[in-house]
């Protein structure tokens, strides 16, 4: 179950990276860590289990954001190359 949640947060971070600037990470990571803490406390998990979940989910969303930025940069670079090629052939 935990792996699926980490993958979902990674994909959410990638989606944020494709669309938004870096300042979106502040509310995203805050909301992620806060929700992990609340869910852990309501389930009655131990402190270290909650801390590990918060760290994993916060890291997953940040690494996903980095992946989204890299994908966005690659897309923009390929679009620029195609525009340069079409300008040269005209």
PDB file of N, CA and C in Angstrom:
ATOM      1  N   UNK A   1       0.820  -1.201   0.000  1.00  0.00           N
ATOM      2  CA  UNK A   1       0.000   0.000   0.000  1.00  0.00           C
ATOM      3  C   UNK A   1       0.859   1.259   0.000  1.00  0.00           C
ATOM      4  N   UNK A   2       1.942   1.226   0.755  1.00  0.00           N
ATOM      5  CA  UNK A   2       2.778   2.427   0.874  1.00  0.00           C
ATOM      6  C   UNK A   2       3.463   2.766  -0.449  1.00  0.00           C
ATOM      7  N   UNK A   3       3.867   1.727  -1.192  1.00  0.00           N
ATOM      8  CA  UNK A   3       4.537   1.981  -2.467  1.00  0.00           C
ATOM      9  C   UNK A   3       3.604   2.682  -3.451  1.00  0.00           C
ATOM     10  N   UNK A   4       2.348   2.293  -3.448  1.00  0.00           N
ATOM     11  CA  UNK A   4       1.386   2.931  -4.358  1.00  0.00           C
ATOM     12  C   UNK A   4       1.199   4.406  -4.011  1.00  0.00           C
ATOM     13  N   UNK A   5       1.169   4.716  -2.730  1.00  0.00           N
ATOM     14  CA  UNK A   5       1.001   6.107  -2.311  1.00  0.00           C
ATOM     15  C   UNK A   5       2.223   6.935  -2.709  1.00  0.00           C
ATOM     16  N   UNK A   6       3.413   6.356  -2.581  1.00  0.00           N
ATOM     17  CA  UNK A   6       4.632   7.064  -2.989  1.00  0.00           C
ATOM     18  C   UNK A   6       4.626   7.301  -4.494  1.00  0.00           C
ATOM     19  N   UNK A   7       4.202   6.314  -5.263  1.00  0.00           N
ATOM     20  CA  UNK A   7       4.143   6.469  -6.727  1.00  0.00           C
ATOM     21  C   UNK A   7       3.123   7.544  -7.108  1.00  0.00           C
ATOM     22  N   UNK A   8       1.988   7.561  -6.425  1.00  0.00           N
ATOM     23  CA  UNK A   8       0.973   8.586  -6.707  1.00  0.00           C
ATOM     24  C   UNK A   8       1.534   9.976  -6.416  1.00  0.00           C
ATOM     25  N   UNK A   9       2.257  10.127  -5.318  1.00  0.00           N
ATOM     26  CA  UNK A   9       2.831  11.432  -4.986  1.00  0.00           C
ATOM     27  C   UNK A   9       3.947  11.810  -5.973  1.00  0.00           C
ATOM     28  N   UNK A  10       4.693  10.826  -6.453  1.00  0.00           N
ATOM     29  CA  UNK A  10       5.704  11.101  -7.478  1.00  0.00           C
ATOM     30  C   UNK A  10       5.038  11.628  -8.739  1.00  0.00           C
ATOM     31  N   UNK A  11       3.969  10.976  -9.164  1.00  0.00           N
ATOM     32  CA  UNK A  11       3.263  11.418 -10.376  1.00  0.00           C
ATOM     33  C   UNK A  11       2.606  12.784 -10.185  1.00  0.00           C
ATOM     34  N   UNK A  12       2.100  13.035  -8.978  1.00  0.00           N
ATOM     35  CA  UNK A  12       1.536  14.354  -8.697  1.00  0.00           C
ATOM     36  C   UNK A  12       2.617  15.422  -8.766  1.00  0.00           C
ATOM     37  N   UNK A  13       3.795  15.128  -8.243  1.00  0.00           N
ATOM     38  CA  UNK A  13       4.916  16.068  -8.333  1.00  0.00           C
ATOM     39  C   UNK A  13       5.333  16.304  -9.776  1.00  0.00           C
ATOM     40  N   UNK A  14       5.319  15.245 -10.580  1.00  0.00           N
ATOM     41  CA  UNK A  14       5.663  15.405 -12.000  1.00  0.00           C
ATOM     42  C   UNK A  14       4.641  16.294 -12.708  1.00  0.00           C
ATOM     43  N   UNK A  15       3.381  16.116 -12.376  1.00  0.00           N
ATOM     44  CA  UNK A  15       2.343  16.971 -12.973  1.00  0.00           C
ATOM     45  C   UNK A  15       2.537  18.423 -12.550  1.00  0.00           C
ATOM     46  N   UNK A  16       2.894  18.645 -11.299  1.00  0.00           N
ATOM     47  CA  UNK A  16       3.161  20.010 -10.839  1.00  0.00           C
ATOM     48  C   UNK A  16       4.383  20.594 -11.548  1.00  0.00           C
ATOM     49  N   UNK A  17       5.401  19.769 -11.757  1.00  0.00           N
ATOM     50  CA  UNK A  17       6.605  20.233 -12.434  1.00  0.00           C
ATOM     51  C   UNK A  17       6.365  20.597 -13.890  1.00  0.00           C
ATOM     52  N   UNK A  18       5.430  19.905 -14.528  1.00  0.00           N
ATOM     53  CA  UNK A  18       5.120  20.219 -15.921  1.00  0.00           C
ATOM     54  C   UNK A  18       4.398  21.551 -16.063  1.00  0.00           C
ATOM     55  N   UNK A  19       3.695  21.966 -15.031  1.00  0.00           N
ATOM     56  CA  UNK A  19       2.828  23.128 -15.161  1.00  0.00           C
ATOM     57  C   UNK A  19       3.273  24.354 -14.379  1.00  0.00           C
ATOM     58  N   UNK A  20       3.777  24.172 -13.147  1.00  0.00           N
ATOM     59  CA  UNK A  20       3.999  25.296 -12.248  1.00  0.00           C
ATOM     60  C   UNK A  20       5.478  25.558 -11.975  1.00  0.00           C
ATOM     61  N   UNK A  21       5.737  26.727 -11.390  1.00  0.00           N
ATOM     62  CA  UNK A  21       7.088  27.092 -10.967  1.00  0.00           C
ATOM     63  C   UNK A  21       7.385  26.459  -9.611  1.00  0.00           C
ATOM     64  N   UNK A  22       8.585  26.676  -9.114  1.00  0.00           N
ATOM     65  CA  UNK A  22       9.067  25.978  -7.921  1.00  0.00           C
ATOM     66  C   UNK A  22       8.302  26.357  -6.660  1.00  0.00           C
ATOM     67  N   UNK A  23       7.693  27.521  -6.615  1.00  0.00           N
ATOM     68  CA  UNK A  23       6.989  27.938  -5.398  1.00  0.00           C
ATOM     69  C   UNK A  23       5.763  27.075  -5.091  1.00  0.00           C
ATOM     70  N   UNK A  24       5.289  26.295  -6.051  1.00  0.00           N
ATOM     71  CA  UNK A  24       4.165  25.398  -5.793  1.00  0.00           C
ATOM     72  C   UNK A  24       4.580  24.275  -4.856  1.00  0.00           C
ATOM     73  N   UNK A  25       5.886  24.021  -4.742  1.00  0.00           N
ATOM     74  CA  UNK A  25       6.345  22.955  -3.860  1.00  0.00           C
ATOM     75  C   UNK A  25       6.084  23.248  -2.390  1.00  0.00           C
ATOM     76  N   UNK A  26       6.090  24.501  -1.996  1.00  0.00           N
ATOM     77  CA  UNK A  26       5.886  24.845  -0.583  1.00  0.00           C
ATOM     78  C   UNK A  26       4.508  24.368  -0.102  1.00  0.00           C
ATOM     79  N   UNK A  27       3.408  24.780  -0.751  1.00  0.00           N
ATOM     80  CA  UNK A  27       2.123  24.260  -0.270  1.00  0.00           C
ATOM     81  C   UNK A  27       1.939  22.768  -0.535  1.00  0.00           C
ATOM     82  N   UNK A  28       2.512  22.264  -1.622  1.00  0.00           N
ATOM     83  CA  UNK A  28       2.344  20.845  -1.942  1.00  0.00           C
ATOM     84  C   UNK A  28       3.015  19.957  -0.896  1.00  0.00           C
ATOM     85  N   UNK A  29       4.248  20.285  -0.547  1.00  0.00           N
ATOM     86  CA  UNK A  29       4.963  19.482   0.446  1.00  0.00           C
ATOM     87  C   UNK A  29       4.336  19.668   1.828  1.00  0.00           C
ATOM     88  N   UNK A  30       3.929  20.882   2.150  1.00  0.00           N
ATOM     89  CA  UNK A  30       3.285  21.124   3.442  1.00  0.00           C
ATOM     90  C   UNK A  30       2.002  20.318   3.562  1.00  0.00           C
ATOM     91  N   UNK A  31       1.176  20.356   2.542  1.00  0.00           N
ATOM     92  CA  UNK A  31      -0.079  19.612   2.550  1.00  0.00           C
ATOM     93  C   UNK A  31       0.178  18.106   2.607  1.00  0.00           C
ATOM     94  N   UNK A  32       1.170  17.640   1.875  1.00  0.00           N
ATOM     95  CA  UNK A  32       1.506  16.219   1.867  1.00  0.00           C
ATOM     96  C   UNK A  32       1.956  15.746   3.242  1.00  0.00           C
ATOM     97  N   UNK A  33       2.866  16.487   3.853  1.00  0.00           N
ATOM     98  CA  UNK A  33       3.376  16.073   5.157  1.00  0.00           C
ATOM     99  C   UNK A  33       2.303  16.191   6.239  1.00  0.00           C
ATOM    100  N   UNK A  34       1.489  17.223   6.150  1.00  0.00           N
ATOM    101  CA  UNK A  34       0.422  17.397   7.128  1.00  0.00           C
ATOM    102  C   UNK A  34      -0.603  16.266   7.024  1.00  0.00           C
ATOM    103  N   UNK A  35      -0.962  15.912   5.806  1.00  0.00           N
ATOM    104  CA  UNK A  35      -1.937  14.824   5.635  1.00  0.00           C
ATOM    105  C   UNK A  35      -1.347  13.485   6.074  1.00  0.00           C
ATOM    106  N   UNK A  36      -0.061  13.252   5.812  1.00  0.00           N
ATOM    107  CA  UNK A  36       0.573  12.005   6.270  1.00  0.00           C
ATOM    108  C   UNK A  36       0.578  11.934   7.790  1.00  0.00           C
ATOM    109  N   UNK A  37       0.843  13.056   8.446  1.00  0.00           N
ATOM    110  CA  UNK A  37       0.842  13.079   9.915  1.00  0.00           C
ATOM    111  C   UNK A  37      -0.565  12.841  10.460  1.00  0.00           C
ATOM    112  N   UNK A  38      -1.549  13.480   9.858  1.00  0.00           N
ATOM    113  CA  UNK A  38      -2.931  13.317  10.339  1.00  0.00           C
ATOM    114  C   UNK A  38      -3.413  11.880  10.155  1.00  0.00           C
ATOM    115  N   UNK A  39      -3.153  11.307   8.975  1.00  0.00           N
ATOM    116  CA  UNK A  39      -3.574   9.930   8.737  1.00  0.00           C
ATOM    117  C   UNK A  39      -2.851   8.957   9.657  1.00  0.00           C
ATOM    118  N   UNK A  40      -1.574   9.202   9.909  1.00  0.00           N
ATOM    119  CA  UNK A  40      -0.820   8.334  10.803  1.00  0.00           C
ATOM    120  C   UNK A  40      -1.321   8.385  12.233  1.00  0.00           C
ATOM    121  N   UNK A  41      -1.644   9.579  12.698  1.00  0.00           N
ATOM    122  CA  UNK A  41      -2.151   9.728  14.061  1.00  0.00           C
ATOM    123  C   UNK A  41      -3.527   9.092  14.197  1.00  0.00           C
ATOM    124  N   UNK A  42      -4.389   9.288  13.200  1.00  0.00           N
ATOM    125  CA  UNK A  42      -5.735   8.719  13.291  1.00  0.00           C
ATOM    126  C   UNK A  42      -5.710   7.197  13.209  1.00  0.00           C
ATOM    127  N   UNK A  43      -4.741   6.631  12.508  1.00  0.00           N
ATOM    128  CA  UNK A  43      -4.614   5.172  12.457  1.00  0.00           C
ATOM    129  C   UNK A  43      -3.919   4.602  13.681  1.00  0.00           C
ATOM    130  N   UNK A  44      -3.319   5.473  14.484  1.00  0.00           N
ATOM    131  CA  UNK A  44      -2.633   5.013  15.688  1.00  0.00           C
ATOM    132  C   UNK A  44      -1.232   4.478  15.424  1.00  0.00           C
ATOM    133  N   UNK A  45      -0.591   4.958  14.381  1.00  0.00           N
ATOM    134  CA  UNK A  45       0.768   4.521  14.066  1.00  0.00           C
ATOM    135  C   UNK A  45       1.760   5.067  15.082  1.00  0.00           C
ATOM    136  N   UNK A  46       2.930   4.427  15.137  1.00  0.00           N
ATOM    137  CA  UNK A  46       3.991   4.907  16.013  1.00  0.00           C
ATOM    138  C   UNK A  46       4.631   6.149  15.408  1.00  0.00           C
ATOM    139  N   UNK A  47       5.346   6.888  16.252  1.00  0.00           N
ATOM    140  CA  UNK A  47       5.958   8.148  15.833  1.00  0.00           C
ATOM    141  C   UNK A  47       6.916   7.931  14.659  1.00  0.00           C
ATOM    142  N   UNK A  48       7.763   6.913  14.754  1.00  0.00           N
ATOM    143  CA  UNK A  48       8.767   6.707  13.700  1.00  0.00           C
ATOM    144  C   UNK A  48       8.121   6.300  12.386  1.00  0.00           C
ATOM    145  N   UNK A  49       7.038   5.586  12.455  1.00  0.00           N
ATOM    146  CA  UNK A  49       6.317   5.210  11.243  1.00  0.00           C
ATOM    147  C   UNK A  49       5.735   6.444  10.557  1.00  0.00           C
ATOM    148  N   UNK A  50       5.191   7.345  11.357  1.00  0.00           N
ATOM    149  CA  UNK A  50       4.645   8.593  10.809  1.00  0.00           C
ATOM    150  C   UNK A  50       5.764   9.443  10.223  1.00  0.00           C
ATOM    151  N   UNK A  51       6.889   9.526  10.926  1.00  0.00           N
ATOM    152  CA  UNK A  51       8.018  10.334  10.444  1.00  0.00           C
ATOM    153  C   UNK A  51       8.558   9.791   9.124  1.00  0.00           C
ATOM    154  N   UNK A  52       8.683   8.469   9.008  1.00  0.00           N
ATOM    155  CA  UNK A  52       9.170   7.873   7.756  1.00  0.00           C
ATOM    156  C   UNK A  52       8.187   8.125   6.620  1.00  0.00           C
ATOM    157  N   UNK A  53       6.892   8.012   6.901  1.00  0.00           N
ATOM    158  CA  UNK A  53       5.886   8.275   5.867  1.00  0.00           C
ATOM    159  C   UNK A  53       5.953   9.722   5.403  1.00  0.00           C
ATOM    160  N   UNK A  54       6.114  10.655   6.342  1.00  0.00           N
ATOM    161  CA  UNK A  54       6.210  12.071   5.972  1.00  0.00           C
ATOM    162  C   UNK A  54       7.440  12.326   5.112  1.00  0.00           C
ATOM    163  N   UNK A  55       8.557  11.737   5.484  1.00  0.00           N
ATOM    164  CA  UNK A  55       9.802  11.933   4.724  1.00  0.00           C
ATOM    165  C   UNK A  55       9.681  11.321   3.329  1.00  0.00           C
ATOM    166  N   UNK A  56       9.152  10.104   3.243  1.00  0.00           N
ATOM    167  CA  UNK A  56       9.017   9.445   1.938  1.00  0.00           C
ATOM    168  C   UNK A  56       8.083  10.206   1.002  1.00  0.00           C
ATOM    169  N   UNK A  57       6.950  10.643   1.519  1.00  0.00           N
ATOM    170  CA  UNK A  57       5.996  11.341   0.658  1.00  0.00           C
ATOM    171  C   UNK A  57       6.494  12.725   0.262  1.00  0.00           C
ATOM    172  N   UNK A  58       7.140  13.425   1.192  1.00  0.00           N
ATOM    173  CA  UNK A  58       7.724  14.724   0.853  1.00  0.00           C
ATOM    174  C   UNK A  58       8.816  14.602  -0.189  1.00  0.00           C
ATOM    175  N   UNK A  59       9.638  13.566  -0.043  1.00  0.00           N
ATOM    176  CA  UNK A  59      10.704  13.336  -1.024  1.00  0.00           C
ATOM    177  C   UNK A  59      10.132  12.926  -2.367  1.00  0.00           C
ATOM    178  N   UNK A  60       9.103  12.085  -2.357  1.00  0.00           N
ATOM    179  CA  UNK A  60       8.508  11.617  -3.617  1.00  0.00           C
ATOM    180  C   UNK A  60       7.936  12.774  -4.422  1.00  0.00           C
ATOM    181  N   UNK A  61       7.265  13.692  -3.753  1.00  0.00           N
ATOM    182  CA  UNK A  61       6.672  14.808  -4.494  1.00  0.00           C
ATOM    183  C   UNK A  61       7.763  15.739  -5.037  1.00  0.00           C
ATOM    184  N   UNK A  62       8.864  15.883  -4.314  1.00  0.00           N
ATOM    185  CA  UNK A  62       9.950  16.743  -4.787  1.00  0.00           C
ATOM    186  C   UNK A  62      10.710  16.100  -5.943  1.00  0.00           C
ATOM    187  N   UNK A  63      10.967  14.807  -5.854  1.00  0.00           N
ATOM    188  CA  UNK A  63      11.657  14.116  -6.951  1.00  0.00           C
ATOM    189  C   UNK A  63      10.753  14.081  -8.183  1.00  0.00           C
ATOM    190  N   UNK A  64       9.461  13.888  -7.968  1.00  0.00           N
ATOM    191  CA  UNK A  64       8.524  13.940  -9.089  1.00  0.00           C
ATOM    192  C   UNK A  64       8.494  15.310  -9.736  1.00  0.00           C
ATOM    193  N   UNK A  65       8.564  16.359  -8.927  1.00  0.00           N
ATOM    194  CA  UNK A  65       8.612  17.718  -9.466  1.00  0.00           C
ATOM    195  C   UNK A  65       9.860  17.901 -10.335  1.00  0.00           C
ATOM    196  N   UNK A  66      10.985  17.391  -9.849  1.00  0.00           N
ATOM    197  CA  UNK A  66      12.228  17.474 -10.629  1.00  0.00           C
ATOM    198  C   UNK A  66      12.088  16.734 -11.951  1.00  0.00           C
ATOM    199  N   UNK A  67      11.477  15.568 -11.928  1.00  0.00           N
ATOM    200  CA  UNK A  67      11.259  14.822 -13.170  1.00  0.00           C
ATOM    201  C   UNK A  67      10.347  15.600 -14.116  1.00  0.00           C
ATOM    202  N   UNK A  68       9.326  16.245 -13.571  1.00  0.00           N
ATOM    203  CA  UNK A  68       8.432  17.053 -14.404  1.00  0.00           C
ATOM    204  C   UNK A  68       9.140  18.229 -15.042  1.00  0.00           C
ATOM    205  N   UNK A  69      10.034  18.867 -14.290  1.00  0.00           N
ATOM    206  CA  UNK A  69      10.808  19.987 -14.850  1.00  0.00           C
ATOM    207  C   UNK A  69      11.707  19.497 -15.982  1.00  0.00           C
ATOM    208  N   UNK A  70      12.343  18.348 -15.783  1.00  0.00           N
ATOM    209  CA  UNK A  70      13.222  17.816 -16.830  1.00  0.00           C
ATOM    210  C   UNK A  70      12.428  17.447 -18.081  1.00  0.00           C
ATOM    211  N   UNK A  71      11.256  16.885 -17.904  1.00  0.00           N
ATOM    212  CA  UNK A  71      10.409  16.557 -19.057  1.00  0.00           C
ATOM    213  C   UNK A  71       9.969  17.827 -19.771  1.00  0.00           C
ATOM    214  N   UNK A  72       9.576  18.845 -19.004  1.00  0.00           N
ATOM    215  CA  UNK A  72       9.159  20.114 -19.607  1.00  0.00           C
ATOM    216  C   UNK A  72      10.304  20.748 -20.388  1.00  0.00           C
ATOM    217  N   UNK A  73      11.524  20.713 -19.838  1.00  0.00           N
ATOM    218  CA  UNK A  73      12.675  21.288 -20.532  1.00  0.00           C
ATOM    219  C   UNK A  73      12.964  20.530 -21.824  1.00  0.00           C
ATOM    220  N   UNK A  74      12.834  19.215 -21.774  1.00  0.00           N
ATOM    221  CA  UNK A  74      13.070  18.407 -22.975  1.00  0.00           C
ATOM    222  C   UNK A  74      12.023  18.711 -24.049  1.00  0.00           C
ATOM    223  N   UNK A  75      10.778  18.864 -23.656  1.00  0.00           N
ATOM    224  CA  UNK A  75       9.711  19.188 -24.614  1.00  0.00           C
ATOM    225  C   UNK A  75       9.949  20.563 -25.238  1.00  0.00           C
ATOM    226  N   UNK A  76      10.281  21.550 -24.407  1.00  0.00           N
ATOM    227  CA  UNK A  76      10.519  22.901 -24.926  1.00  0.00           C
ATOM    228  C   UNK A  76      11.716  22.930 -25.861  1.00  0.00           C
ATOM    229  N   UNK A  77      12.753  22.163 -25.525  1.00  0.00           N
ATOM    230  CA  UNK A  77      13.939  22.140 -26.378  1.00  0.00           C
ATOM    231  C   UNK A  77      13.632  21.491 -27.721  1.00  0.00           C
ATOM    232  N   UNK A  78      12.853  20.427 -27.722  1.00  0.00           N
ATOM    233  CA  UNK A  78      12.520  19.784 -28.993  1.00  0.00           C
ATOM    234  C   UNK A  78      11.591  20.666 -29.835  1.00  0.00           C
ATOM    235  N   UNK A  79      10.697  21.421 -29.181  1.00  0.00           N
ATOM    236  CA  UNK A  79       9.847  22.352 -29.926  1.00  0.00           C
ATOM    237  C   UNK A  79      10.669  23.468 -30.545  1.00  0.00           C
ATOM    238  N   UNK A  80      11.649  23.963 -29.796  1.00  0.00           N
ATOM    239  CA  UNK A  80      12.515  25.023 -30.327  1.00  0.00           C
ATOM    240  C   UNK A  80      13.324  24.521 -31.514  1.00  0.00           C
ATOM    241  N   UNK A  81      13.813  23.282 -31.410  1.00  0.00           N
ATOM    242  CA  UNK A  81      14.587  22.726 -32.532  1.00  0.00           C
ATOM    243  C   UNK A  81      13.725  22.575 -33.771  1.00  0.00           C
ATOM    244  N   UNK A  82      12.477  22.126 -33.588  1.00  0.00           N
ATOM    245  CA  UNK A  82      11.611  21.947 -34.750  1.00  0.00           C
ATOM    246  C   UNK A  82      11.249  23.301 -35.371  1.00  0.00           C
ATOM    247  N   UNK A  83      11.106  24.331 -34.553  1.00  0.00           N
ATOM    248  CA  UNK A  83      10.824  25.655 -35.077  1.00  0.00           C
ATOM    249  C   UNK A  83      12.041  26.222 -35.824  1.00  0.00           C
ATOM    250  N   UNK A  84      13.230  25.950 -35.313  1.00  0.00           N
ATOM    251  CA  UNK A  84      14.441  26.416 -36.000  1.00  0.00           C
ATOM    252  C   UNK A  84      14.605  25.707 -37.334  1.00  0.00           C
ATOM    253  N   UNK A  85      14.310  24.420 -37.364  1.00  0.00           N
ATOM    254  CA  UNK A  85      14.433  23.665 -38.602  1.00  0.00           C
ATOM    255  C   UNK A  85      13.431  24.122 -39.638  1.00  0.00           C
ATOM    256  N   UNK A  86      12.223  24.426 -39.204  1.00  0.00           N
ATOM    257  CA  UNK A  86      11.214  24.888 -40.159  1.00  0.00           C
ATOM    258  C   UNK A  86      11.542  26.292 -40.661  1.00  0.00           C
ATOM    259  N   UNK A  87      12.180  27.118 -39.829  1.00  0.00           N
ATOM    260  CA  UNK A  87      12.573  28.462 -40.254  1.00  0.00           C
ATOM    261  C   UNK A  87      13.713  28.406 -41.263  1.00  0.00           C
ATOM    262  N   UNK A  88      14.601  27.451 -41.100  1.00  0.00           N
ATOM    263  CA  UNK A  88      15.748  27.316 -42.013  1.00  0.00           C
ATOM    264  C   UNK A  88      15.279  26.809 -43.367  1.00  0.00           C
ATOM    265  N   UNK A  89      14.313  25.913 -43.415  1.00  0.00           N
ATOM    266  CA  UNK A  89      13.869  25.356 -44.695  1.00  0.00           C
ATOM    267  C   UNK A  89      13.003  26.307 -45.495  1.00  0.00           C
ATOM    268  N   UNK A  90      12.503  27.359 -44.874  1.00  0.00           N
ATOM    269  CA  UNK A  90      11.655  28.303 -45.602  1.00  0.00           C
ATOM    270  C   UNK A  90      12.509  29.142 -46.429  1.00  0.00           C
TER     271      UNK A  90
END
